[in-house]
C-alpha cells in the first residue's frame, strides 16, 4: 500500500467500513510511515473537534428559504471553518 492509497482510506477506516484485510494492511502502513502517521494524527484531531461541536435540528423548510444564498457566502463559511480546524490542529 502506498501513501496515497492509505490516506484515501482513513475516513473509511474510522467509520469501520473496510474489510479486515484492508484494515490490517492500512495499520501496517501507518506503523511504518511517519508521514501517514502525521496525517492520521491530524485526522484524529479533526474528529475530536467535530465530535465536540453541538448539533442542532434544522426545520425542513429552513433550506427552502436559503436557496438564493450566494456562492460567495458559502465559500466564506467554508474558509472560516477550514481556518478554525487548522488552528485547532496546530494547538
PDB file of N, CA and C in Angstrom:
ATOM      1  N   UNK A   1       0.854  -1.177   0.000  1.00  0.00           N
ATOM      2  CA  UNK A   1       0.000   0.000   0.000  1.00  0.00           C
ATOM      3  C   UNK A   1       0.894   1.232   0.000  1.00  0.00           C
ATOM      4  N   UNK A   2       0.555   2.190  -0.860  1.00  0.00           N
ATOM      5  CA  UNK A   2       1.329   3.430  -0.889  1.00  0.00           C
ATOM      6  C   UNK A   2       0.602   4.504  -0.068  1.00  0.00           C
ATOM      7  N   UNK A   3       1.264   5.642   0.110  1.00  0.00           N
ATOM      8  CA  UNK A   3       0.732   6.719   0.951  1.00  0.00           C
ATOM      9  C   UNK A   3      -0.600   7.266   0.421  1.00  0.00           C
ATOM     10  N   UNK A   4      -0.703   7.416  -0.880  1.00  0.00           N
ATOM     11  CA  UNK A   4      -1.936   7.961  -1.460  1.00  0.00           C
ATOM     12  C   UNK A   4      -3.115   7.045  -1.152  1.00  0.00           C
ATOM     13  N   UNK A   5      -2.907   5.750  -1.307  1.00  0.00           N
ATOM     14  CA  UNK A   5      -3.970   4.790  -1.009  1.00  0.00           C
ATOM     15  C   UNK A   5      -4.328   4.819   0.477  1.00  0.00           C
ATOM     16  N   UNK A   6      -3.295   4.853   1.319  1.00  0.00           N
ATOM     17  CA  UNK A   6      -3.524   4.848   2.770  1.00  0.00           C
ATOM     18  C   UNK A   6      -4.337   6.060   3.201  1.00  0.00           C
ATOM     19  N   UNK A   7      -3.965   7.230   2.715  1.00  0.00           N
ATOM     20  CA  UNK A   7      -4.663   8.455   3.109  1.00  0.00           C
ATOM     21  C   UNK A   7      -6.101   8.467   2.613  1.00  0.00           C
ATOM     22  N   UNK A   8      -6.331   7.868   1.466  1.00  0.00           N
ATOM     23  CA  UNK A   8      -7.702   7.847   0.935  1.00  0.00           C
ATOM     24  C   UNK A   8      -8.605   6.902   1.732  1.00  0.00           C
ATOM     25  N   UNK A   9      -8.018   6.012   2.520  1.00  0.00           N
ATOM     26  CA  UNK A   9      -8.792   5.036   3.279  1.00  0.00           C
ATOM     27  C   UNK A   9      -9.053   5.441   4.730  1.00  0.00           C
ATOM     28  N   UNK A  10      -8.435   6.523   5.196  1.00  0.00           N
ATOM     29  CA  UNK A  10      -8.546   6.883   6.611  1.00  0.00           C
ATOM     30  C   UNK A  10      -9.993   7.063   7.064  1.00  0.00           C
ATOM     31  N   UNK A  11     -10.777   7.771   6.304  1.00  0.00           N
ATOM     32  CA  UNK A  11     -12.160   8.016   6.698  1.00  0.00           C
ATOM     33  C   UNK A  11     -12.937   6.704   6.808  1.00  0.00           C
ATOM     34  N   UNK A  12     -12.808   5.851   5.818  1.00  0.00           N
ATOM     35  CA  UNK A  12     -13.494   4.560   5.852  1.00  0.00           C
ATOM     36  C   UNK A  12     -12.985   3.691   7.007  1.00  0.00           C
ATOM     37  N   UNK A  13     -11.700   3.817   7.312  1.00  0.00           N
ATOM     38  CA  UNK A  13     -11.112   3.066   8.415  1.00  0.00           C
ATOM     39  C   UNK A  13     -11.775   3.459   9.734  1.00  0.00           C
ATOM     40  N   UNK A  14     -11.912   4.752   9.972  1.00  0.00           N
ATOM     41  CA  UNK A  14     -12.517   5.208  11.219  1.00  0.00           C
ATOM     42  C   UNK A  14     -14.019   4.977  11.262  1.00  0.00           C
ATOM     43  N   UNK A  15     -14.638   4.856  10.112  1.00  0.00           N
ATOM     44  CA  UNK A  15     -16.062   4.528  10.056  1.00  0.00           C
ATOM     45  C   UNK A  15     -16.286   3.010  10.073  1.00  0.00           C
ATOM     46  N   UNK A  16     -15.200   2.251  10.190  1.00  0.00           N
ATOM     47  CA  UNK A  16     -15.217   0.788  10.222  1.00  0.00           C
ATOM     48  C   UNK A  16     -15.916   0.203   8.991  1.00  0.00           C
ATOM     49  N   UNK A  17     -15.584   0.784   7.834  1.00  0.00           N
ATOM     50  CA  UNK A  17     -16.188   0.332   6.578  1.00  0.00           C
ATOM     51  C   UNK A  17     -15.217  -0.483   5.722  1.00  0.00           C
ATOM     52  N   UNK A  18     -14.027  -0.745   6.239  1.00  0.00           N
ATOM     53  CA  UNK A  18     -13.046  -1.535   5.491  1.00  0.00           C
ATOM     54  C   UNK A  18     -13.122  -2.995   5.924  1.00  0.00           C
ATOM     55  N   UNK A  19     -12.805  -3.884   4.999  1.00  0.00           N
ATOM     56  CA  UNK A  19     -12.741  -5.287   5.403  1.00  0.00           C
ATOM     57  C   UNK A  19     -11.491  -5.498   6.257  1.00  0.00           C
ATOM     58  N   UNK A  20     -11.433  -6.633   6.925  1.00  0.00           N
ATOM     59  CA  UNK A  20     -10.355  -6.901   7.875  1.00  0.00           C
ATOM     60  C   UNK A  20      -8.974  -6.873   7.214  1.00  0.00           C
ATOM     61  N   UNK A  21      -8.871  -7.413   6.038  1.00  0.00           N
ATOM     62  CA  UNK A  21      -7.581  -7.461   5.332  1.00  0.00           C
ATOM     63  C   UNK A  21      -7.077  -6.046   5.002  1.00  0.00           C
ATOM     64  N   UNK A  22      -7.962  -5.201   4.480  1.00  0.00           N
ATOM     65  CA  UNK A  22      -7.576  -3.836   4.128  1.00  0.00           C
ATOM     66  C   UNK A  22      -7.223  -3.042   5.380  1.00  0.00           C
ATOM     67  N   UNK A  23      -7.977  -3.235   6.455  1.00  0.00           N
ATOM     68  CA  UNK A  23      -7.682  -2.549   7.721  1.00  0.00           C
ATOM     69  C   UNK A  23      -6.295  -2.919   8.233  1.00  0.00           C
ATOM     70  N   UNK A  24      -5.978  -4.198   8.192  1.00  0.00           N
ATOM     71  CA  UNK A  24      -4.661  -4.646   8.668  1.00  0.00           C
ATOM     72  C   UNK A  24      -3.543  -4.097   7.787  1.00  0.00           C
ATOM     73  N   UNK A  25      -3.771  -4.062   6.478  1.00  0.00           N
ATOM     74  CA  UNK A  25      -2.770  -3.514   5.560  1.00  0.00           C
ATOM     75  C   UNK A  25      -2.555  -2.025   5.840  1.00  0.00           C
ATOM     76  N   UNK A  26      -3.637  -1.313   6.079  1.00  0.00           N
ATOM     77  CA  UNK A  26      -3.534   0.114   6.401  1.00  0.00           C
ATOM     78  C   UNK A  26      -2.809   0.312   7.729  1.00  0.00           C
ATOM     79  N   UNK A  27      -3.153  -0.453   8.739  1.00  0.00           N
ATOM     80  CA  UNK A  27      -2.490  -0.350  10.044  1.00  0.00           C
ATOM     81  C   UNK A  27      -0.992  -0.613   9.916  1.00  0.00           C
ATOM     82  N   UNK A  28      -0.638  -1.592   9.097  1.00  0.00           N
ATOM     83  CA  UNK A  28       0.779  -1.920   8.878  1.00  0.00           C
ATOM     84  C   UNK A  28       1.490  -0.741   8.204  1.00  0.00           C
ATOM     85  N   UNK A  29       0.830  -0.138   7.209  1.00  0.00           N
ATOM     86  CA  UNK A  29       1.426   1.003   6.525  1.00  0.00           C
ATOM     87  C   UNK A  29       1.605   2.167   7.501  1.00  0.00           C
ATOM     88  N   UNK A  30       0.578   2.452   8.296  1.00  0.00           N
ATOM     89  CA  UNK A  30       0.655   3.556   9.255  1.00  0.00           C
ATOM     90  C   UNK A  30       1.776   3.334  10.272  1.00  0.00           C
ATOM     91  N   UNK A  31       1.985   2.088  10.674  1.00  0.00           N
ATOM     92  CA  UNK A  31       3.029   1.781  11.655  1.00  0.00           C
ATOM     93  C   UNK A  31       4.425   2.072  11.108  1.00  0.00           C
ATOM     94  N   UNK A  32       4.576   2.011   9.789  1.00  0.00           N
ATOM     95  CA  UNK A  32       5.905   2.188   9.207  1.00  0.00           C
ATOM     96  C   UNK A  32       6.114   3.483   8.441  1.00  0.00           C
ATOM     97  N   UNK A  33       5.122   4.354   8.400  1.00  0.00           N
ATOM     98  CA  UNK A  33       5.228   5.575   7.589  1.00  0.00           C
ATOM     99  C   UNK A  33       4.956   6.805   8.455  1.00  0.00           C
ATOM    100  N   UNK A  34       5.994   7.563   8.744  1.00  0.00           N
ATOM    101  CA  UNK A  34       5.842   8.723   9.628  1.00  0.00           C
ATOM    102  C   UNK A  34       4.960   9.807   9.015  1.00  0.00           C
ATOM    103  N   UNK A  35       4.993   9.977   7.697  1.00  0.00           N
ATOM    104  CA  UNK A  35       4.155  10.993   7.049  1.00  0.00           C
ATOM    105  C   UNK A  35       2.679  10.639   7.173  1.00  0.00           C
ATOM    106  N   UNK A  36       2.343   9.381   6.962  1.00  0.00           N
ATOM    107  CA  UNK A  36       0.950   8.963   7.089  1.00  0.00           C
ATOM    108  C   UNK A  36       0.515   8.944   8.551  1.00  0.00           C
ATOM    109  N   UNK A  37       1.455   8.696   9.463  1.00  0.00           N
ATOM    110  CA  UNK A  37       1.139   8.786  10.886  1.00  0.00           C
ATOM    111  C   UNK A  37       0.728  10.211  11.245  1.00  0.00           C
ATOM    112  N   UNK A  38       1.415  11.198  10.680  1.00  0.00           N
ATOM    113  CA  UNK A  38       1.062  12.602  10.912  1.00  0.00           C
ATOM    114  C   UNK A  38      -0.334  12.888  10.370  1.00  0.00           C
ATOM    115  N   UNK A  39      -0.612  12.379   9.184  1.00  0.00           N
ATOM    116  CA  UNK A  39      -1.923  12.559   8.571  1.00  0.00           C
ATOM    117  C   UNK A  39      -3.002  11.909   9.434  1.00  0.00           C
ATOM    118  N   UNK A  40      -2.710  10.735   9.941  1.00  0.00           N
ATOM    119  CA  UNK A  40      -3.636  10.025  10.817  1.00  0.00           C
ATOM    120  C   UNK A  40      -3.858  10.811  12.117  1.00  0.00           C
ATOM    121  N   UNK A  41      -2.807  11.355  12.684  1.00  0.00           N
ATOM    122  CA  UNK A  41      -2.927  12.175  13.896  1.00  0.00           C
ATOM    123  C   UNK A  41      -3.808  13.397  13.642  1.00  0.00           C
ATOM    124  N   UNK A  42      -3.580  14.066  12.508  1.00  0.00           N
ATOM    125  CA  UNK A  42      -4.403  15.228  12.160  1.00  0.00           C
ATOM    126  C   UNK A  42      -5.864  14.833  11.969  1.00  0.00           C
ATOM    127  N   UNK A  43      -6.084  13.704  11.334  1.00  0.00           N
ATOM    128  CA  UNK A  43      -7.443  13.204  11.125  1.00  0.00           C
ATOM    129  C   UNK A  43      -8.125  12.973  12.473  1.00  0.00           C
ATOM    130  N   UNK A  44      -7.387  12.367  13.415  1.00  0.00           N
ATOM    131  CA  UNK A  44      -7.918  12.131  14.759  1.00  0.00           C
ATOM    132  C   UNK A  44      -8.253  13.429  15.465  1.00  0.00           C
ATOM    133  N   UNK A  45      -7.397  14.431  15.341  1.00  0.00           N
ATOM    134  CA  UNK A  45      -7.645  15.731  15.967  1.00  0.00           C
ATOM    135  C   UNK A  45      -8.912  16.376  15.405  1.00  0.00           C
ATOM    136  N   UNK A  46      -9.081  16.299  14.099  1.00  0.00           N
ATOM    137  CA  UNK A  46     -10.271  16.863  13.465  1.00  0.00           C
ATOM    138  C   UNK A  46     -11.522  16.135  13.950  1.00  0.00           C
ATOM    139  N   UNK A  47     -11.455  14.809  14.040  1.00  0.00           N
ATOM    140  CA  UNK A  47     -12.610  14.047  14.522  1.00  0.00           C
ATOM    141  C   UNK A  47     -12.973  14.445  15.951  1.00  0.00           C
ATOM    142  N   UNK A  48     -11.973  14.624  16.798  1.00  0.00           N
ATOM    143  CA  UNK A  48     -12.234  15.033  18.183  1.00  0.00           C
ATOM    144  C   UNK A  48     -12.898  16.400  18.229  1.00  0.00           C
ATOM    145  N   UNK A  49     -12.418  17.323  17.403  1.00  0.00           N
ATOM    146  CA  UNK A  49     -13.006  18.666  17.350  1.00  0.00           C
ATOM    147  C   UNK A  49     -14.446  18.585  16.877  1.00  0.00           C
ATOM    148  N   UNK A  50     -14.676  17.857  15.804  1.00  0.00           N
ATOM    149  CA  UNK A  50     -16.025  17.746  15.251  1.00  0.00           C
ATOM    150  C   UNK A  50     -16.984  17.064  16.226  1.00  0.00           C
ATOM    151  N   UNK A  51     -16.483  16.103  16.981  1.00  0.00           N
ATOM    152  CA  UNK A  51     -17.343  15.418  17.951  1.00  0.00           C
ATOM    153  C   UNK A  51     -17.729  16.324  19.117  1.00  0.00           C
ATOM    154  N   UNK A  52     -16.950  17.373  19.357  1.00  0.00           N
ATOM    155  CA  UNK A  52     -17.258  18.309  20.436  1.00  0.00           C
ATOM    156  C   UNK A  52     -18.273  19.370  20.018  1.00  0.00           C
ATOM    157  N   UNK A  53     -18.469  19.533  18.709  1.00  0.00           N
ATOM    158  CA  UNK A  53     -19.389  20.551  18.228  1.00  0.00           C
ATOM    159  C   UNK A  53     -20.827  20.172  18.558  1.00  0.00           C
ATOM    160  N   UNK A  54     -21.606  21.174  18.888  1.00  0.00           N
ATOM    161  CA  UNK A  54     -23.021  20.944  19.149  1.00  0.00           C
ATOM    162  C   UNK A  54     -23.747  20.775  17.821  1.00  0.00           C
ATOM    163  N   UNK A  55     -24.784  19.988  17.853  1.00  0.00           N
ATOM    164  CA  UNK A  55     -25.602  19.829  16.653  1.00  0.00           C
ATOM    165  C   UNK A  55     -26.997  20.376  16.942  1.00  0.00           C
ATOM    166  N   UNK A  56     -27.639  20.819  15.903  1.00  0.00           N
ATOM    167  CA  UNK A  56     -28.971  21.397  16.021  1.00  0.00           C
ATOM    168  C   UNK A  56     -29.875  20.796  14.956  1.00  0.00           C
ATOM    169  N   UNK A  57     -31.103  20.592  15.314  1.00  0.00           N
ATOM    170  CA  UNK A  57     -32.098  20.155  14.329  1.00  0.00           C
ATOM    171  C   UNK A  57     -32.572  21.388  13.570  1.00  0.00           C
ATOM    172  N   UNK A  58     -32.499  21.310  12.258  1.00  0.00           N
ATOM    173  CA  UNK A  58     -32.919  22.422  11.407  1.00  0.00           C
ATOM    174  C   UNK A  58     -34.288  22.081  10.829  1.00  0.00           C
ATOM    175  N   UNK A  59     -35.238  23.008  10.911  1.00  0.00           N
ATOM    176  CA  UNK A  59     -36.558  22.743  10.313  1.00  0.00           C
ATOM    177  C   UNK A  59     -36.420  22.445   8.822  1.00  0.00           C
ATOM    178  N   UNK A  60     -37.238  21.556   8.316  1.00  0.00           N
ATOM    179  CA  UNK A  60     -37.166  21.153   6.908  1.00  0.00           C
ATOM    180  C   UNK A  60     -37.272  22.337   5.952  1.00  0.00           C
ATOM    181  N   UNK A  61     -38.107  23.302   6.272  1.00  0.00           N
ATOM    182  CA  UNK A  61     -38.315  24.416   5.354  1.00  0.00           C
ATOM    183  C   UNK A  61     -37.235  25.493   5.449  1.00  0.00           C
ATOM    184  N   UNK A  62     -36.296  25.346   6.362  1.00  0.00           N
ATOM    185  CA  UNK A  62     -35.242  26.346   6.523  1.00  0.00           C
ATOM    186  C   UNK A  62     -34.416  26.505   5.246  1.00  0.00           C
ATOM    187  N   UNK A  63     -33.999  25.393   4.689  1.00  0.00           N
ATOM    188  CA  UNK A  63     -33.158  25.456   3.492  1.00  0.00           C
ATOM    189  C   UNK A  63     -33.920  25.957   2.277  1.00  0.00           C
ATOM    190  N   UNK A  64     -35.213  25.769   2.246  1.00  0.00           N
ATOM    191  CA  UNK A  64     -36.011  26.275   1.130  1.00  0.00           C
ATOM    192  C   UNK A  64     -35.860  27.791   1.013  1.00  0.00           C
ATOM    193  N   UNK A  65     -35.845  28.484   2.127  1.00  0.00           N
ATOM    194  CA  UNK A  65     -35.692  29.938   2.125  1.00  0.00           C
ATOM    195  C   UNK A  65     -34.277  30.373   1.833  1.00  0.00           C
ATOM    196  N   UNK A  66     -33.343  29.442   1.864  1.00  0.00           N
ATOM    197  CA  UNK A  66     -31.929  29.771   1.659  1.00  0.00           C
ATOM    198  C   UNK A  66     -31.434  29.416   0.265  1.00  0.00           C
ATOM    199  N   UNK A  67     -32.318  29.025  -0.631  1.00  0.00           N
ATOM    200  CA  UNK A  67     -31.896  28.625  -1.983  1.00  0.00           C
ATOM    201  C   UNK A  67     -31.171  29.744  -2.720  1.00  0.00           C
ATOM    202  N   UNK A  68     -31.487  30.970  -2.402  1.00  0.00           N
ATOM    203  CA  UNK A  68     -30.877  32.096  -3.108  1.00  0.00           C
ATOM    204  C   UNK A  68     -29.575  32.568  -2.469  1.00  0.00           C
ATOM    205  N   UNK A  69     -29.071  31.808  -1.519  1.00  0.00           N
ATOM    206  CA  UNK A  69     -27.815  32.176  -0.876  1.00  0.00           C
ATOM    207  C   UNK A  69     -26.707  32.207  -1.919  1.00  0.00           C
ATOM    208  N   UNK A  70     -25.932  33.272  -1.908  1.00  0.00           N
ATOM    209  CA  UNK A  70     -24.855  33.408  -2.886  1.00  0.00           C
ATOM    210  C   UNK A  70     -23.735  32.422  -2.588  1.00  0.00           C
ATOM    211  N   UNK A  71     -23.085  31.971  -3.653  1.00  0.00           N
ATOM    212  CA  UNK A  71     -21.952  31.062  -3.512  1.00  0.00           C
ATOM    213  C   UNK A  71     -20.867  31.666  -2.650  1.00  0.00           C
ATOM    214  N   UNK A  72     -20.662  32.968  -2.771  1.00  0.00           N
ATOM    215  CA  UNK A  72     -19.590  33.621  -2.022  1.00  0.00           C
ATOM    216  C   UNK A  72     -19.790  33.471  -0.522  1.00  0.00           C
ATOM    217  N   UNK A  73     -21.048  33.496  -0.056  1.00  0.00           N
ATOM    218  CA  UNK A  73     -21.305  33.319   1.370  1.00  0.00           C
ATOM    219  C   UNK A  73     -20.966  31.899   1.803  1.00  0.00           C
ATOM    220  N   UNK A  74     -21.295  30.948   0.965  1.00  0.00           N
ATOM    221  CA  UNK A  74     -20.985  29.559   1.273  1.00  0.00           C
ATOM    222  C   UNK A  74     -19.477  29.363   1.318  1.00  0.00           C
ATOM    223  N   UNK A  75     -18.770  29.941   0.357  1.00  0.00           N
ATOM    224  CA  UNK A  75     -17.316  29.830   0.333  1.00  0.00           C
ATOM    225  C   UNK A  75     -16.690  30.488   1.556  1.00  0.00           C
ATOM    226  N   UNK A  76     -17.249  31.599   2.000  1.00  0.00           N
ATOM    227  CA  UNK A  76     -16.735  32.294   3.172  1.00  0.00           C
ATOM    228  C   UNK A  76     -16.864  31.407   4.411  1.00  0.00           C
ATOM    229  N   UNK A  77     -18.004  30.762   4.567  1.00  0.00           N
ATOM    230  CA  UNK A  77     -18.201  29.854   5.698  1.00  0.00           C
ATOM    231  C   UNK A  77     -17.194  28.711   5.620  1.00  0.00           C
ATOM    232  N   UNK A  78     -17.003  28.165   4.429  1.00  0.00           N
ATOM    233  CA  UNK A  78     -16.053  27.070   4.240  1.00  0.00           C
ATOM    234  C   UNK A  78     -14.640  27.510   4.616  1.00  0.00           C
ATOM    235  N   UNK A  79     -14.238  28.709   4.182  1.00  0.00           N
ATOM    236  CA  UNK A  79     -12.907  29.221   4.507  1.00  0.00           C
ATOM    237  C   UNK A  79     -12.741  29.405   6.003  1.00  0.00           C
ATOM    238  N   UNK A  80     -13.765  29.960   6.664  1.00  0.00           N
ATOM    239  CA  UNK A  80     -13.690  30.175   8.108  1.00  0.00           C
ATOM    240  C   UNK A  80     -13.585  28.845   8.848  1.00  0.00           C
ATOM    241  N   UNK A  81     -14.358  27.858   8.427  1.00  0.00           N
ATOM    242  CA  UNK A  81     -14.308  26.548   9.062  1.00  0.00           C
ATOM    243  C   UNK A  81     -12.943  25.898   8.842  1.00  0.00           C
ATOM    244  N   UNK A  82     -12.410  26.027   7.641  1.00  0.00           N
ATOM    245  CA  UNK A  82     -11.086  25.467   7.343  1.00  0.00           C
ATOM    246  C   UNK A  82     -10.016  26.105   8.218  1.00  0.00           C
ATOM    247  N   UNK A  83     -10.064  27.430   8.376  1.00  0.00           N
ATOM    248  CA  UNK A  83      -9.087  28.120   9.225  1.00  0.00           C
ATOM    249  C   UNK A  83      -9.231  27.688  10.676  1.00  0.00           C
ATOM    250  N   UNK A  84     -10.475  27.528  11.144  1.00  0.00           N
ATOM    251  CA  UNK A  84     -10.717  27.104  12.511  1.00  0.00           C
ATOM    252  C   UNK A  84     -10.119  25.724  12.757  1.00  0.00           C
ATOM    253  N   UNK A  85     -10.379  24.802  11.851  1.00  0.00           N
ATOM    254  CA  UNK A  85      -9.861  23.434  12.018  1.00  0.00           C
ATOM    255  C   UNK A  85      -8.344  23.448  11.983  1.00  0.00           C
ATOM    256  N   UNK A  86      -7.745  24.225  11.094  1.00  0.00           N
ATOM    257  CA  UNK A  86      -6.283  24.311  11.020  1.00  0.00           C
ATOM    258  C   UNK A  86      -5.702  24.834  12.332  1.00  0.00           C
ATOM    259  N   UNK A  87      -6.339  25.865  12.889  1.00  0.00           N
ATOM    260  CA  UNK A  87      -5.865  26.421  14.178  1.00  0.00           C
ATOM    261  C   UNK A  87      -5.958  25.364  15.277  1.00  0.00           C
ATOM    262  N   UNK A  88      -7.020  24.588  15.280  1.00  0.00           N
ATOM    263  CA  UNK A  88      -7.205  23.573  16.314  1.00  0.00           C
ATOM    264  C   UNK A  88      -6.169  22.459  16.170  1.00  0.00           C
ATOM    265  N   UNK A  89      -5.810  22.130  14.955  1.00  0.00           N
ATOM    266  CA  UNK A  89      -4.803  21.090  14.731  1.00  0.00           C
ATOM    267  C   UNK A  89      -3.450  21.577  15.210  1.00  0.00           C
ATOM    268  N   UNK A  90      -3.154  22.832  14.978  1.00  0.00           N
ATOM    269  CA  UNK A  90      -1.846  23.384  15.328  1.00  0.00           C
ATOM    270  C   UNK A  90      -1.668  23.610  16.827  1.00  0.00           C
ATOM    271  N   UNK A  91      -2.756  23.474  17.583  1.00  0.00           N
ATOM    272  CA  UNK A  91      -2.673  23.710  19.034  1.00  0.00           C
ATOM    273  C   UNK A  91      -1.915  22.610  19.710  1.00  0.00           C
TER     274      UNK A  91
END
